[in-house]
PDB file of N, CA and C in Angstrom:
ATOM      1  N   MET A   1       0.884  -1.247  -0.200  1.00  0.00           N
ATOM      2  CA  MET A   1       0.037  -0.016   0.362  1.00  0.00           C
ATOM      3  C   MET A   1       1.126   1.372   0.097  1.00  0.00           C
ATOM      4  N   SER A   2       0.036   2.089  -0.869  1.00  0.00           N
ATOM      5  CA  SER A   2       1.057   3.698  -1.276  1.00  0.00           C
ATOM      6  C   SER A   2       1.055   4.643   0.010  1.00  0.00           C
ATOM      7  N   ASN A   3       1.995   5.000   0.385  1.00  0.00           N
ATOM      8  CA  ASN A   3       1.742   6.274   1.091  1.00  0.00           C
ATOM      9  C   ASN A   3       1.079   7.951   0.691  1.00  0.00           C
ATOM     10  N   PHE A   4       1.264   7.998  -1.007  1.00  0.00           N
ATOM     11  CA  PHE A   4       0.801   8.540  -1.859  1.00  0.00           C
ATOM     12  C   PHE A   4      -0.844   8.916  -0.887  1.00  0.00           C
ATOM     13  N   ASP A   5      -0.706  10.580  -0.685  1.00  0.00           N
ATOM     14  CA  ASP A   5      -1.555  11.180  -0.305  1.00  0.00           C
ATOM     15  C   ASP A   5      -2.414  12.346  -1.795  1.00  0.00           C
ATOM     16  N   SER A   6      -3.149  12.159  -2.324  1.00  0.00           N
ATOM     17  CA  SER A   6      -3.408  12.866  -3.113  1.00  0.00           C
ATOM     18  C   SER A   6      -4.072  14.279  -2.878  1.00  0.00           C
ATOM     19  N   GLU A   7      -4.609  14.405  -1.668  1.00  0.00           N
ATOM     20  CA  GLU A   7      -5.473  15.764  -1.587  1.00  0.00           C
ATOM     21  C   GLU A   7      -3.647  16.690  -1.209  1.00  0.00           C
ATOM     22  N   MET A   8      -2.688  16.243  -0.729  1.00  0.00           N
ATOM     23  CA  MET A   8      -1.403  16.650  -0.220  1.00  0.00           C
ATOM     24  C   MET A   8      -0.954  16.760  -1.681  1.00  0.00           C
ATOM     25  N   PHE A   9      -0.956  15.952  -2.617  1.00  0.00           N
ATOM     26  CA  PHE A   9      -0.434  16.639  -3.867  1.00  0.00           C
ATOM     27  C   PHE A   9      -0.733  17.259  -4.640  1.00  0.00           C
ATOM     28  N   SER A  10      -2.345  17.690  -4.362  1.00  0.00           N
ATOM     29  CA  SER A  10      -3.032  18.475  -5.700  1.00  0.00           C
ATOM     30  C   SER A  10      -2.554  19.975  -4.836  1.00  0.00           C
ATOM     31  N   SER A  11      -2.650  20.131  -3.367  1.00  0.00           N
ATOM     32  CA  SER A  11      -2.521  21.250  -2.407  1.00  0.00           C
ATOM     33  C   SER A  11      -1.303  21.942  -2.542  1.00  0.00           C
ATOM     34  N   GLY A  12      -0.051  20.856  -2.624  1.00  0.00           N
ATOM     35  CA  GLY A  12       1.399  21.385  -3.212  1.00  0.00           C
ATOM     36  C   GLY A  12       1.366  22.338  -4.539  1.00  0.00           C
ATOM     37  N   ALA A  13       1.123  21.100  -5.012  1.00  0.00           N
ATOM     38  CA  ALA A  13       0.646  21.693  -6.486  1.00  0.00           C
ATOM     39  C   ALA A  13       0.285  22.864  -6.554  1.00  0.00           C
ATOM     40  N   GLN A  14      -0.840  23.249  -6.070  1.00  0.00           N
ATOM     41  CA  GLN A  14      -1.174  24.501  -6.512  1.00  0.00           C
ATOM     42  C   GLN A  14      -0.364  25.414  -5.935  1.00  0.00           C
ATOM     43  N   VAL A  15       0.000  25.322  -4.943  1.00  0.00           N
ATOM     44  CA  VAL A  15       1.250  26.385  -3.774  1.00  0.00           C
ATOM     45  C   VAL A  15       2.307  26.630  -4.933  1.00  0.00           C
ATOM     46  N   ALA A  16       2.635  25.616  -5.395  1.00  0.00           N
ATOM     47  CA  ALA A  16       4.177  25.439  -6.410  1.00  0.00           C
ATOM     48  C   ALA A  16       3.800  26.159  -7.503  1.00  0.00           C
ATOM     49  N   GLY A  17       2.281  26.505  -8.140  1.00  0.00           N
ATOM     50  CA  GLY A  17       2.298  27.073  -9.314  1.00  0.00           C
ATOM     51  C   GLY A  17       1.867  28.455  -9.183  1.00  0.00           C
ATOM     52  N   PHE A  18       1.681  28.613  -8.041  1.00  0.00           N
ATOM     53  CA  PHE A  18       1.257  29.917  -7.594  1.00  0.00           C
ATOM     54  C   PHE A  18       2.448  31.018  -7.547  1.00  0.00           C
ATOM     55  N   HIS A  19       3.294  30.259  -6.700  1.00  0.00           N
ATOM     56  CA  HIS A  19       4.761  31.467  -6.502  1.00  0.00           C
ATOM     57  C   HIS A  19       5.657  30.884  -7.672  1.00  0.00           C
ATOM     58  N   LEU A  20       5.510  30.116  -8.318  1.00  0.00           N
ATOM     59  CA  LEU A  20       6.135  30.008  -9.496  1.00  0.00           C
ATOM     60  C   LEU A  20       5.716  31.752 -10.745  1.00  0.00           C
ATOM     61  N   GLU A  21       4.247  31.396 -10.532  1.00  0.00           N
ATOM     62  CA  GLU A  21       3.674  32.472 -11.719  1.00  0.00           C
ATOM     63  C   GLU A  21       4.290  33.818 -10.764  1.00  0.00           C
ATOM     64  N   ALA A  22       4.248  33.618  -9.280  1.00  0.00           N
ATOM     65  CA  ALA A  22       4.772  35.191  -8.669  1.00  0.00           C
ATOM     66  C   ALA A  22       5.855  35.524  -8.937  1.00  0.00           C
ATOM     67  N   GLY A  23       6.644  34.519  -9.084  1.00  0.00           N
ATOM     68  CA  GLY A  23       7.930  35.099  -9.924  1.00  0.00           C
ATOM     69  C   GLY A  23       8.706  34.461  -8.609  1.00  0.00           C
ATOM     70  N   GLN A  24       8.531  33.673  -7.951  1.00  0.00           N
ATOM     71  CA  GLN A  24       9.947  32.966  -6.942  1.00  0.00           C
ATOM     72  C   GLN A  24      10.299  31.629  -7.769  1.00  0.00           C
ATOM     73  N   ARG A  25      11.775  31.644  -8.145  1.00  0.00           N
ATOM     74  CA  ARG A  25      12.310  30.530  -9.116  1.00  0.00           C
ATOM     75  C   ARG A  25      13.103  29.460  -8.639  1.00  0.00           C
ATOM     76  N   ASN A  26      13.250  29.900  -7.277  1.00  0.00           N
ATOM     77  CA  ASN A  26      14.494  28.917  -6.975  1.00  0.00           C
ATOM     78  C   ASN A  26      13.684  27.845  -6.203  1.00  0.00           C
ATOM     79  N   PHE A  27      14.069  26.505  -6.540  1.00  0.00           N
ATOM     80  CA  PHE A  27      13.060  25.038  -5.790  1.00  0.00           C
ATOM     81  C   PHE A  27      13.615  24.968  -4.760  1.00  0.00           C
ATOM     82  N   MET A  28      14.236  25.586  -3.571  1.00  0.00           N
ATOM     83  CA  MET A  28      15.345  25.243  -2.531  1.00  0.00           C
ATOM     84  C   MET A  28      13.403  25.856  -1.730  1.00  0.00           C
ATOM     85  N   GLU A  29      13.618  27.225  -2.236  1.00  0.00           N
ATOM     86  CA  GLU A  29      12.944  28.542  -1.633  1.00  0.00           C
ATOM     87  C   GLU A  29      11.539  28.356  -1.711  1.00  0.00           C
ATOM     88  N   VAL A  30      10.899  27.813  -2.867  1.00  0.00           N
ATOM     89  CA  VAL A  30       9.394  27.461  -3.287  1.00  0.00           C
ATOM     90  C   VAL A  30       8.847  26.203  -2.091  1.00  0.00           C
ATOM     91  N   SER A  31      10.113  25.378  -2.382  1.00  0.00           N
ATOM     92  CA  SER A  31       9.872  24.313  -1.336  1.00  0.00           C
ATOM     93  C   SER A  31       9.887  24.561   0.121  1.00  0.00           C
ATOM     94  N   ARG A  32      10.600  25.765   0.458  1.00  0.00           N
ATOM     95  CA  ARG A  32      10.507  25.955   1.972  1.00  0.00           C
ATOM     96  C   ARG A  32       9.102  26.950   2.387  1.00  0.00           C
ATOM     97  N   ILE A  33       8.665  27.535   1.129  1.00  0.00           N
ATOM     98  CA  ILE A  33       7.235  28.234   1.294  1.00  0.00           C
ATOM     99  C   ILE A  33       6.525  27.206   1.138  1.00  0.00           C
ATOM    100  N   ILE A  34       6.716  26.153   0.052  1.00  0.00           N
ATOM    101  CA  ILE A  34       5.150  25.126   0.338  1.00  0.00           C
ATOM    102  C   ILE A  34       5.067  24.436   1.749  1.00  0.00           C
ATOM    103  N   ALA A  35       6.151  24.191   2.704  1.00  0.00           N
ATOM    104  CA  ALA A  35       5.892  23.343   3.970  1.00  0.00           C
ATOM    105  C   ALA A  35       5.202  24.369   4.858  1.00  0.00           C
ATOM    106  N   LYS A  36       5.621  25.746   4.698  1.00  0.00           N
ATOM    107  CA  LYS A  36       5.516  26.727   5.738  1.00  0.00           C
ATOM    108  C   LYS A  36       3.854  26.873   5.475  1.00  0.00           C
ATOM    109  N   GLU A  37       3.636  27.248   3.921  1.00  0.00           N
ATOM    110  CA  GLU A  37       1.764  27.245   3.778  1.00  0.00           C
ATOM    111  C   GLU A  37       1.246  25.948   4.142  1.00  0.00           C
ATOM    112  N   LEU A  38       1.995  25.011   3.736  1.00  0.00           N
ATOM    113  CA  LEU A  38       0.680  23.853   4.032  1.00  0.00           C
ATOM    114  C   LEU A  38       0.942  23.300   5.762  1.00  0.00           C
ATOM    115  N   ASP A  39       1.410  24.281   6.174  1.00  0.00           N
ATOM    116  CA  ASP A  39       1.740  23.931   7.579  1.00  0.00           C
ATOM    117  C   ASP A  39       2.369  22.309   8.181  1.00  0.00           C
ATOM    118  N   SER A  40       3.445  22.330   7.468  1.00  0.00           N
ATOM    119  CA  SER A  40       4.172  20.395   7.356  1.00  0.00           C
ATOM    120  C   SER A  40       5.627  20.651   7.477  1.00  0.00           C
ATOM    121  N   ASP A  41       5.914  19.564   7.510  1.00  0.00           N
ATOM    122  CA  ASP A  41       7.622  19.841   7.650  1.00  0.00           C
ATOM    123  C   ASP A  41       7.939  18.842   6.209  1.00  0.00           C
ATOM    124  N   LEU A  42       9.307  19.927   6.011  1.00  0.00           N
ATOM    125  CA  LEU A  42       9.696  19.811   4.947  1.00  0.00           C
ATOM    126  C   LEU A  42      10.063  17.991   4.677  1.00  0.00           C
ATOM    127  N   PHE A  43      10.810  17.615   5.634  1.00  0.00           N
ATOM    128  CA  PHE A  43      11.091  15.862   5.450  1.00  0.00           C
ATOM    129  C   PHE A  43       9.317  15.347   5.083  1.00  0.00           C
ATOM    130  N   ALA A  44       8.892  15.382   5.626  1.00  0.00           N
ATOM    131  CA  ALA A  44       7.488  14.778   5.057  1.00  0.00           C
ATOM    132  C   ALA A  44       7.031  14.716   3.237  1.00  0.00           C
ATOM    133  N   LEU A  45       7.168  16.252   3.064  1.00  0.00           N
ATOM    134  CA  LEU A  45       6.737  16.455   1.516  1.00  0.00           C
ATOM    135  C   LEU A  45       7.856  16.483   0.609  1.00  0.00           C
ATOM    136  N   ARG A  46       9.033  15.455   1.312  1.00  0.00           N
ATOM    137  CA  ARG A  46      10.312  15.153   0.258  1.00  0.00           C
ATOM    138  C   ARG A  46       9.386  14.137  -0.780  1.00  0.00           C
ATOM    139  N   PRO A  47       8.688  13.270  -0.758  1.00  0.00           N
ATOM    140  CA  PRO A  47       8.608  12.754  -1.679  1.00  0.00           C
ATOM    141  C   PRO A  47       7.575  13.499  -3.055  1.00  0.00           C
ATOM    142  N   TYR A  48       7.421  14.703  -2.641  1.00  0.00           N
ATOM    143  CA  TYR A  48       6.193  15.434  -3.867  1.00  0.00           C
ATOM    144  C   TYR A  48       7.102  16.451  -4.211  1.00  0.00           C
ATOM    145  N   LEU A  49       8.255  17.079  -3.861  1.00  0.00           N
ATOM    146  CA  LEU A  49       8.734  18.241  -3.937  1.00  0.00           C
ATOM    147  C   LEU A  49       9.057  18.283  -5.299  1.00  0.00           C
ATOM    148  N   ARG A  50      10.154  17.332  -5.533  1.00  0.00           N
ATOM    149  CA  ARG A  50      10.326  17.510  -6.994  1.00  0.00           C
ATOM    150  C   ARG A  50       9.218  16.915  -8.198  1.00  0.00           C
ATOM    151  N   ALA A  51       8.246  16.516  -8.163  1.00  0.00           N
ATOM    152  CA  ALA A  51       6.910  16.587  -8.838  1.00  0.00           C
ATOM    153  C   ALA A  51       6.348  18.089  -8.934  1.00  0.00           C
ATOM    154  N   TRP A  52       5.981  18.795  -7.466  1.00  0.00           N
ATOM    155  CA  TRP A  52       5.312  19.672  -7.652  1.00  0.00           C
ATOM    156  C   TRP A  52       6.183  20.709  -8.334  1.00  0.00           C
ATOM    157  N   PHE A  53       7.167  20.944  -8.177  1.00  0.00           N
ATOM    158  CA  PHE A  53       8.261  22.168  -8.755  1.00  0.00           C
ATOM    159  C   PHE A  53       8.107  21.865  -9.984  1.00  0.00           C
ATOM    160  N   ASN A  54       8.712  20.685 -10.896  1.00  0.00           N
ATOM    161  CA  ASN A  54       8.832  20.799 -12.147  1.00  0.00           C
ATOM    162  C   ASN A  54       7.757  20.466 -12.881  1.00  0.00           C
ATOM    163  N   GLY A  55       6.709  20.304 -11.811  1.00  0.00           N
ATOM    164  CA  GLY A  55       5.464  19.951 -12.362  1.00  0.00           C
ATOM    165  C   GLY A  55       4.727  21.545 -13.165  1.00  0.00           C
ATOM    166  N   ALA A  56       4.674  22.336 -12.029  1.00  0.00           N
ATOM    167  CA  ALA A  56       4.097  23.803 -12.105  1.00  0.00           C
ATOM    168  C   ALA A  56       5.065  24.537 -13.340  1.00  0.00           C
ATOM    169  N   ARG A  57       6.076  24.342 -12.865  1.00  0.00           N
ATOM    170  CA  ARG A  57       7.116  25.026 -14.066  1.00  0.00           C
ATOM    171  C   ARG A  57       6.633  24.420 -15.623  1.00  0.00           C
ATOM    172  N   ASP A  58       6.722  23.372 -15.582  1.00  0.00           N
ATOM    173  CA  ASP A  58       6.628  23.127 -16.639  1.00  0.00           C
ATOM    174  C   ASP A  58       4.963  23.160 -17.220  1.00  0.00           C
ATOM    175  N   ALA A  59       3.845  23.434 -16.609  1.00  0.00           N
ATOM    176  CA  ALA A  59       2.555  23.576 -16.788  1.00  0.00           C
ATOM    177  C   ALA A  59       2.651  25.196 -17.014  1.00  0.00           C
ATOM    178  N   LEU A  60       3.320  25.553 -16.455  1.00  0.00           N
ATOM    179  CA  LEU A  60       3.050  27.378 -16.409  1.00  0.00           C
ATOM    180  C   LEU A  60       3.804  27.714 -18.285  1.00  0.00           C
ATOM    181  N   GLU A  61       4.901  27.204 -17.909  1.00  0.00           N
ATOM    182  CA  GLU A  61       5.763  27.521 -19.609  1.00  0.00           C
ATOM    183  C   GLU A  61       4.762  26.727 -20.844  1.00  0.00           C
ATOM    184  N   ASP A  62       4.316  25.579 -20.332  1.00  0.00           N
ATOM    185  CA  ASP A  62       3.033  25.154 -21.504  1.00  0.00           C
ATOM    186  C   ASP A  62       1.763  26.210 -21.622  1.00  0.00           C
ATOM    187  N   PHE A  63       1.511  26.813 -20.762  1.00  0.00           N
ATOM    188  CA  PHE A  63       0.454  27.964 -20.884  1.00  0.00           C
ATOM    189  C   PHE A  63       0.807  29.844 -21.303  1.00  0.00           C
ATOM    190  N   GLY A  64       2.313  29.597 -21.583  1.00  0.00           N
ATOM    191  CA  GLY A  64       2.746  30.406 -22.232  1.00  0.00           C
ATOM    192  C   GLY A  64       3.274  31.832 -21.014  1.00  0.00           C
ATOM    193  N   ILE A  65       3.544  31.552 -19.892  1.00  0.00           N
ATOM    194  CA  ILE A  65       3.976  32.008 -18.879  1.00  0.00           C
ATOM    195  C   ILE A  65       5.782  31.583 -19.111  1.00  0.00           C
ATOM    196  N   ASP A  66       6.473  32.700 -18.899  1.00  0.00           N
ATOM    197  CA  ASP A  66       7.366  32.798 -19.027  1.00  0.00           C
ATOM    198  C   ASP A  66       8.231  32.652 -17.373  1.00  0.00           C
ATOM    199  N   VAL A  67       8.903  31.399 -18.021  1.00  0.00           N
ATOM    200  CA  VAL A  67       9.409  30.728 -15.923  1.00  0.00           C
ATOM    201  C   VAL A  67      10.949  30.504 -16.480  1.00  0.00           C
ATOM    202  N   SER A  68      11.665  31.695 -17.567  1.00  0.00           N
ATOM    203  CA  SER A  68      13.413  31.988 -17.380  1.00  0.00           C
ATOM    204  C   SER A  68      13.718  32.223 -15.857  1.00  0.00           C
ATOM    205  N   GLY A  69      14.532  31.475 -15.616  1.00  0.00           N
ATOM    206  CA  GLY A  69      15.389  31.712 -14.273  1.00  0.00           C
ATOM    207  C   GLY A  69      15.150  30.851 -13.296  1.00  0.00           C
ATOM    208  N   ALA A  70      13.940  30.117 -13.755  1.00  0.00           N
ATOM    209  CA  ALA A  70      13.587  28.770 -12.699  1.00  0.00           C
ATOM    210  C   ALA A  70      14.534  27.688 -12.834  1.00  0.00           C
ATOM    211  N   SER A  71      14.876  26.767 -11.351  1.00  0.00           N
ATOM    212  CA  SER A  71      15.447  25.968 -11.542  1.00  0.00           C
ATOM    213  C   SER A  71      15.089  25.126 -12.482  1.00  0.00           C
ATOM    214  N   THR A  72      16.081  24.144 -13.122  1.00  0.00           N
ATOM    215  CA  THR A  72      16.099  23.213 -14.248  1.00  0.00           C
ATOM    216  C   THR A  72      15.882  21.884 -13.813  1.00  0.00           C
ATOM    217  N   THR A  73      15.457  21.208 -14.268  1.00  0.00           N
ATOM    218  CA  THR A  73      15.239  19.511 -13.591  1.00  0.00           C
ATOM    219  C   THR A  73      16.309  19.302 -13.076  1.00  0.00           C
ATOM    220  N   GLU A  74      17.596  18.985 -14.109  1.00  0.00           N
ATOM    221  CA  GLU A  74      18.865  19.239 -13.582  1.00  0.00           C
ATOM    222  C   GLU A  74      19.484  19.867 -11.928  1.00  0.00           C
ATOM    223  N   GLU A  75      19.131  21.035 -12.023  1.00  0.00           N
ATOM    224  CA  GLU A  75      19.005  21.920 -10.716  1.00  0.00           C
ATOM    225  C   GLU A  75      18.518  21.136  -9.451  1.00  0.00           C
ATOM    226  N   VAL A  76      17.063  20.761 -10.005  1.00  0.00           N
ATOM    227  CA  VAL A  76      16.294  20.304  -8.723  1.00  0.00           C
ATOM    228  C   VAL A  76      16.443  19.089  -8.112  1.00  0.00           C
ATOM    229  N   ALA A  77      17.234  18.373  -9.172  1.00  0.00           N
ATOM    230  CA  ALA A  77      17.713  16.833  -9.167  1.00  0.00           C
ATOM    231  C   ALA A  77      18.737  17.054  -7.776  1.00  0.00           C
ATOM    232  N   ALA A  78      19.700  17.736  -8.291  1.00  0.00           N
ATOM    233  CA  ALA A  78      21.194  18.608  -7.660  1.00  0.00           C
ATOM    234  C   ALA A  78      20.455  18.762  -5.792  1.00  0.00           C
ATOM    235  N   ALA A  79      19.469  19.375  -5.966  1.00  0.00           N
ATOM    236  CA  ALA A  79      19.394  19.650  -4.422  1.00  0.00           C
ATOM    237  C   ALA A  79      18.393  18.772  -3.796  1.00  0.00           C
ATOM    238  N   MET A  80      18.087  18.021  -4.884  1.00  0.00           N
ATOM    239  CA  MET A  80      17.362  17.054  -4.229  1.00  0.00           C
ATOM    240  C   MET A  80      18.655  15.690  -3.413  1.00  0.00           C
ATOM    241  N   GLY A  81      19.932  15.647  -4.162  1.00  0.00           N
ATOM    242  CA  GLY A  81      20.718  15.163  -3.902  1.00  0.00           C
ATOM    243  C   GLY A  81      21.349  15.163  -2.419  1.00  0.00           C
ATOM    244  N   CYS A  82      21.097  16.734  -2.004  1.00  0.00           N
ATOM    245  CA  CYS A  82      21.681  17.104  -0.754  1.00  0.00           C
ATOM    246  C   CYS A  82      20.952  17.929  -0.117  1.00  0.00           C
ATOM    247  N   PHE A  83      19.306  17.250  -0.249  1.00  0.00           N
ATOM    248  CA  PHE A  83      17.955  17.492   0.624  1.00  0.00           C
ATOM    249  C   PHE A  83      18.579  17.933   2.062  1.00  0.00           C
ATOM    250  N   SER A  84      19.561  16.960   2.463  1.00  0.00           N
ATOM    251  CA  SER A  84      19.330  17.298   4.081  1.00  0.00           C
ATOM    252  C   SER A  84      20.254  18.685   4.509  1.00  0.00           C
ATOM    253  N   MET A  85      20.796  19.634   3.213  1.00  0.00           N
ATOM    254  CA  MET A  85      21.828  20.333   3.888  1.00  0.00           C
ATOM    255  C   MET A  85      21.202  21.392   3.890  1.00  0.00           C
ATOM    256  N   TRP A  86      19.872  21.564   3.167  1.00  0.00           N
ATOM    257  CA  TRP A  86      19.200  22.653   2.746  1.00  0.00           C
ATOM    258  C   TRP A  86      17.589  22.492   3.751  1.00  0.00           C
ATOM    259  N   ALA A  87      17.282  21.471   3.991  1.00  0.00           N
ATOM    260  CA  ALA A  87      15.628  21.311   4.126  1.00  0.00           C
ATOM    261  C   ALA A  87      15.572  21.874   5.267  1.00  0.00           C
ATOM    262  N   GLY A  88      16.105  21.909   6.398  1.00  0.00           N
ATOM    263  CA  GLY A  88      15.697  22.578   8.004  1.00  0.00           C
ATOM    264  C   GLY A  88      16.140  24.117   7.668  1.00  0.00           C
ATOM    265  N   LYS A  89      16.156  24.741   7.077  1.00  0.00           N
ATOM    266  CA  LYS A  89      16.353  26.092   7.021  1.00  0.00           C
ATOM    267  C   LYS A  89      14.709  26.566   6.822  1.00  0.00           C
ATOM    268  N   PRO A  90      14.042  28.079   7.160  1.00  0.00           N
ATOM    269  CA  PRO A  90      13.420  28.201   6.849  1.00  0.00           C
ATOM    270  C   PRO A  90      13.066  29.259   5.654  1.00  0.00           C
ATOM    271  N   PRO A  91      12.115  29.484   5.461  1.00  0.00           N
ATOM    272  CA  PRO A  91      11.974  30.290   4.155  1.00  0.00           C
ATOM    273  C   PRO A  91      12.543  32.045   4.385  1.00  0.00           C
ATOM    274  N   ALA A  92      13.123  32.554   3.674  1.00  0.00           N
ATOM    275  CA  ALA A  92      13.368  33.964   4.134  1.00  0.00           C
ATOM    276  C   ALA A  92      12.716  34.875   4.265  1.00  0.00           C
ATOM    277  N   THR A  93      11.376  34.673   3.572  1.00  0.00           N
ATOM    278  CA  THR A  93      10.410  35.564   4.381  1.00  0.00           C
ATOM    279  C   THR A  93       9.083  34.608   3.333  1.00  0.00           C
ATOM    280  N   ASP A  94       8.031  35.122   4.126  1.00  0.00           N
ATOM    281  CA  ASP A  94       6.336  34.446   3.242  1.00  0.00           C
ATOM    282  C   ASP A  94       6.535  34.653   1.458  1.00  0.00           C
ATOM    283  N   GLN A  95       7.392  35.520   1.258  1.00  0.00           N
ATOM    284  CA  GLN A  95       7.392  35.556  -0.371  1.00  0.00           C
ATOM    285  C   GLN A  95       8.982  35.065  -1.196  1.00  0.00           C
ATOM    286  N   GLY A  96       9.321  34.313  -0.450  1.00  0.00           N
ATOM    287  CA  GLY A  96      10.532  33.813  -0.711  1.00  0.00           C
ATOM    288  C   GLY A  96      11.809  35.256  -1.107  1.00  0.00           C
ATOM    289  N   ILE A  97      11.805  36.285  -0.583  1.00  0.00           N
ATOM    290  CA  ILE A  97      12.550  36.948  -1.346  1.00  0.00           C
ATOM    291  C   ILE A  97      13.295  37.511   0.363  1.00  0.00           C
ATOM    292  N   GLU A  98      14.500  37.504   0.174  1.00  0.00           N
ATOM    293  CA  GLU A  98      15.153  37.745   1.295  1.00  0.00           C
ATOM    294  C   GLU A  98      15.140  39.325   1.568  1.00  0.00           C
ATOM    295  N   ALA A  99      14.649  39.093   3.456  1.00  0.00           N
ATOM    296  CA  ALA A  99      14.318  40.397   3.758  1.00  0.00           C
ATOM    297  C   ALA A  99      15.693  41.069   4.559  1.00  0.00           C
ATOM    298  N   PRO A 100      15.776  42.419   3.972  1.00  0.00           N
ATOM    299  CA  PRO A 100      16.798  42.770   4.291  1.00  0.00           C
ATOM    300  C   PRO A 100      16.877  42.969   6.614  1.00  0.00           C
ATOM    301  N   ALA A 101      17.891  42.830   7.016  1.00  0.00           N
ATOM    302  CA  ALA A 101      17.911  42.732   8.504  1.00  0.00           C
ATOM    303  C   ALA A 101      17.329  43.806   9.206  1.00  0.00           C
ATOM    304  N   PRO A 102      16.416  44.081  10.278  1.00  0.00           N
ATOM    305  CA  PRO A 102      15.739  45.183  10.868  1.00  0.00           C
ATOM    306  C   PRO A 102      17.267  46.321  11.230  1.00  0.00           C
ATOM    307  N   GLN A 103      16.780  46.972  10.873  1.00  0.00           N
ATOM    308  CA  GLN A 103      17.816  48.037  11.135  1.00  0.00           C
ATOM    309  C   GLN A 103      17.239  48.590  13.105  1.00  0.00           C
ATOM    310  N   GLU A 104      18.177  48.849  13.756  1.00  0.00           N
ATOM    311  CA  GLU A 104      18.249  49.357  14.969  1.00  0.00           C
ATOM    312  C   GLU A 104      18.070  50.834  15.421  1.00  0.00           C
ATOM    313  N   GLN A 105      16.973  51.654  15.812  1.00  0.00           N
ATOM    314  CA  GLN A 105      16.765  52.768  15.707  1.00  0.00           C
ATOM    315  C   GLN A 105      17.441  53.263  16.878  1.00  0.00           C
ATOM    316  N   PRO A 106      18.422  54.301  16.641  1.00  0.00           N
ATOM    317  CA  PRO A 106      19.267  55.033  17.826  1.00  0.00           C
ATOM    318  C   PRO A 106      17.895  55.928  19.080  1.00  0.00           C
ATOM    319  N   GLU A 107      18.214  55.787  20.056  1.00  0.00           N
ATOM    320  CA  GLU A 107      17.241  56.432  21.000  1.00  0.00           C
ATOM    321  C   GLU A 107      17.280  57.872  20.811  1.00  0.00           C
ATOM    322  N   PRO A 108      16.399  58.838  20.638  1.00  0.00           N
ATOM    323  CA  PRO A 108      16.266  60.180  20.606  1.00  0.00           C
ATOM    324  C   PRO A 108      17.141  60.894  20.958  1.00  0.00           C
ATOM    325  N   PHE A 109      17.807  61.580  20.691  1.00  0.00           N
ATOM    326  CA  PHE A 109      19.242  62.659  21.354  1.00  0.00           C
ATOM    327  C   PHE A 109      17.954  63.207  22.396  1.00  0.00           C
ATOM    328  N   GLU A 110      18.167  63.468  23.516  1.00  0.00           N
ATOM    329  CA  GLU A 110      17.734  64.416  23.973  1.00  0.00           C
ATOM    330  C   GLU A 110      19.003  65.692  24.469  1.00  0.00           C
ATOM    331  N   PHE A 111      18.855  66.766  25.051  1.00  0.00           N
ATOM    332  CA  PHE A 111      19.473  67.869  24.706  1.00  0.00           C
ATOM    333  C   PHE A 111      19.361  67.867  26.754  1.00  0.00           C
ATOM    334  N   GLY A 112      20.872  68.209  27.500  1.00  0.00           N
ATOM    335  CA  GLY A 112      20.639  68.042  28.897  1.00  0.00           C
ATOM    336  C   GLY A 112      21.384  69.585  28.876  1.00  0.00           C
ATOM    337  N   GLY A 113      22.122  68.938  30.502  1.00  0.00           N
ATOM    338  CA  GLY A 113      22.872  70.363  30.751  1.00  0.00           C
ATOM    339  C   GLY A 113      22.571  71.095  31.255  1.00  0.00           C
ATOM    340  N   ALA A 114      22.992  72.333  31.089  1.00  0.00           N
ATOM    341  CA  ALA A 114      22.624  73.482  32.468  1.00  0.00           C
ATOM    342  C   ALA A 114      21.578  74.233  30.803  1.00  0.00           C
ATOM    343  N   ASN A 115      22.114  74.461  29.887  1.00  0.00           N
ATOM    344  CA  ASN A 115      21.328  75.377  29.203  1.00  0.00           C
ATOM    345  C   ASN A 115      20.340  74.562  28.297  1.00  0.00           C
ATOM    346  N   GLY A 116      20.068  72.863  28.756  1.00  0.00           N
ATOM    347  CA  GLY A 116      19.291  71.864  27.606  1.00  0.00           C
ATOM    348  C   GLY A 116      18.221  72.134  28.120  1.00  0.00           C
TER     349      GLY A 116
END
């Protein structure tokens, strides 16, 4: 008996397509975003990731949507080969774009002293 979950497969494919169409082109980042949106562990989703990304990329391209810069099938395969090295990292942001580090604001300067 298979552990394949058709509902999970459908949900992940939709999320992958959405983020690829929105401009996220990196397989590892899309995978992290999918895991976050499906509130699941990336390791549990591992059997679906390659199909979700490659399928979404190919379907969008077949619909005439520009997917230039998207991870190729070879890059996806290479990423899957070193899965444990990157899978534990959270997405950079919800949109998959590296957010700038928050800047600490200096305390407001207060004039003091005899004339202050």
